[in-house]
Amino acid sequence: MKKTIPLILALTLSLASTLSLAQKLEPIAEIPPPPAGANDPEPEITIRNRGGDRYEEYRLHGQLYMIKVTPRVGPAYYLVSRERGGAFQRVNDLDRAQMIPQWVLFSW
């Protein structure tokens, strides 16, 4: 009984302070929408068929970074640009390839 009285008193005081704070709150202004182009764009994909083979070119911001080659016979493989110099390396499986993230901090 001795413990319940202080507990009831503490709950009453905390409820009273919560209600007084709730009356002083002001509504938050609406959050503006994100600026155009702030989201990561999806890559542009160009599909070409030559001699029975299918080439899918992946570009981001106009920069070609990957080509998926699906030959008429055999499994598909990828040509991946690991540097901006345009040199492509053949990768048979993208999941197993070690793709090191490379970020562009500044560009002109």
Protein backbone atom coordinates (compact mmCIF):
# COMPACT_ATOMS: atom_id res chain seq x y z
CA MET A 1 0.00 0.00 0.00
CA LYS A 2 2.87 2.33 0.78
CA LYS A 3 4.33 1.79 -2.69
CA THR A 4 1.09 2.34 -4.61
CA ILE A 5 0.44 5.86 -3.31
CA PRO A 6 3.77 7.28 -4.60
CA LEU A 7 3.25 5.39 -7.86
CA ILE A 8 -0.22 6.87 -8.35
CA LEU A 9 1.12 10.33 -7.48
CA ALA A 10 3.98 9.99 -9.97
CA LEU A 11 1.64 8.82 -12.74
CA THR A 12 -0.75 11.70 -12.05
CA LEU A 13 2.04 14.28 -12.20
CA SER A 14 3.50 12.84 -15.39
CA LEU A 15 0.06 12.77 -17.01
CA ALA A 16 -0.57 16.38 -16.00
CA SER A 17 2.78 17.53 -17.39
CA THR A 18 2.19 15.61 -20.63
CA LEU A 19 -1.21 17.24 -21.10
CA SER A 20 0.19 20.71 -20.44
CA LEU A 21 2.95 20.12 -23.01
CA ALA A 22 0.45 18.81 -25.55
CA GLN A 23 -1.53 22.06 -25.34
CA LYS A 24 1.59 24.14 -26.13
CA LEU A 25 2.57 22.19 -29.27
CA GLU A 26 2.44 23.89 -32.65
CA PRO A 27 1.77 22.03 -35.90
CA ILE A 28 4.80 21.20 -38.03
CA ALA A 29 5.01 22.80 -41.45
CA GLU A 30 4.58 20.49 -44.43
CA ILE A 31 7.78 18.85 -45.65
CA PRO A 32 8.68 20.13 -49.12
CA PRO A 33 9.06 17.53 -51.89
CA PRO A 34 12.61 16.51 -52.84
CA PRO A 35 14.20 18.50 -55.66
CA ALA A 36 13.92 17.15 -59.18
CA GLY A 37 16.67 14.69 -59.99
CA ALA A 38 17.50 14.00 -56.36
CA ASN A 39 16.56 10.35 -56.67
CA ASP A 40 19.01 7.94 -58.22
CA PRO A 41 18.00 7.62 -61.85
CA GLU A 42 17.54 4.23 -63.43
CA PRO A 43 20.07 3.31 -66.11
CA GLU A 44 19.24 3.77 -69.76
CA ILE A 45 19.21 0.40 -71.51
CA THR A 46 19.77 0.09 -75.26
CA ILE A 47 19.10 -3.35 -76.77
CA ARG A 48 20.71 -4.31 -80.08
CA ASN A 49 20.52 -7.57 -82.00
CA ARG A 50 23.41 -8.44 -84.34
CA GLY A 51 23.89 -11.77 -86.06
CA GLY A 52 21.71 -13.62 -83.57
CA ASP A 53 23.54 -12.15 -80.57
CA ARG A 54 21.85 -9.72 -78.21
CA TYR A 55 23.70 -6.72 -76.71
CA GLU A 56 22.21 -4.75 -73.83
CA GLU A 57 24.08 -1.50 -73.14
CA TYR A 58 23.62 0.08 -69.71
CA ARG A 59 24.28 3.82 -69.40
CA LEU A 60 24.05 6.15 -66.42
CA HIS A 61 24.25 9.91 -67.06
CA GLY A 62 25.23 9.11 -70.65
CA GLN A 63 28.24 7.04 -69.52
CA LEU A 64 28.39 3.42 -70.75
CA TYR A 65 29.32 1.23 -67.77
CA MET A 66 28.15 -2.30 -68.62
CA ILE A 67 27.24 -4.44 -71.63
CA LYS A 68 25.36 -7.72 -71.31
CA VAL A 69 26.11 -10.05 -74.22
CA THR A 70 23.72 -12.93 -74.85
CA PRO A 71 25.12 -15.07 -77.67
CA ARG A 72 22.90 -17.28 -79.79
CA VAL A 73 24.66 -20.33 -78.35
CA GLY A 74 26.13 -20.40 -74.85
CA PRO A 75 25.63 -18.54 -71.59
CA ALA A 76 25.36 -14.78 -71.29
CA TYR A 77 28.32 -12.75 -70.03
CA TYR A 78 28.95 -9.15 -69.07
CA LEU A 79 31.52 -6.57 -70.13
CA VAL A 80 31.98 -4.23 -67.17
CA SER A 81 33.87 -0.94 -67.12
CA ARG A 82 35.75 -0.77 -63.84
CA GLU A 83 37.33 2.60 -64.63
CA ARG A 84 36.17 5.61 -66.56
CA GLY A 85 38.79 5.05 -69.26
CA GLY A 86 36.45 2.84 -71.26
CA ALA A 87 38.37 -0.44 -70.85
CA PHE A 88 35.94 -3.30 -70.30
CA GLN A 89 36.59 -6.58 -68.51
CA ARG A 90 34.66 -9.77 -69.14
CA VAL A 91 32.68 -11.09 -66.18
CA ASN A 92 30.73 -14.34 -66.40
CA ASP A 93 28.66 -13.83 -63.25
CA LEU A 94 27.91 -10.41 -61.73
CA ASP A 95 27.20 -11.91 -58.30
CA ARG A 96 30.69 -13.39 -58.02
CA ALA A 97 32.48 -10.39 -59.48
CA GLN A 98 34.08 -8.11 -56.96
CA MET A 99 32.64 -4.74 -57.80
CA ILE A 100 34.35 -2.07 -55.74
CA PRO A 101 32.14 1.02 -55.30
CA GLN A 102 33.58 4.08 -57.00
CA TRP A 103 31.95 7.42 -56.32
CA VAL A 104 32.36 10.63 -58.27
CA LEU A 105 32.86 13.50 -55.86
CA PHE A 106 33.31 16.30 -58.36
CA SER A 107 32.85 16.45 -62.13
CA TRP A 108 33.04 19.24 -64.66
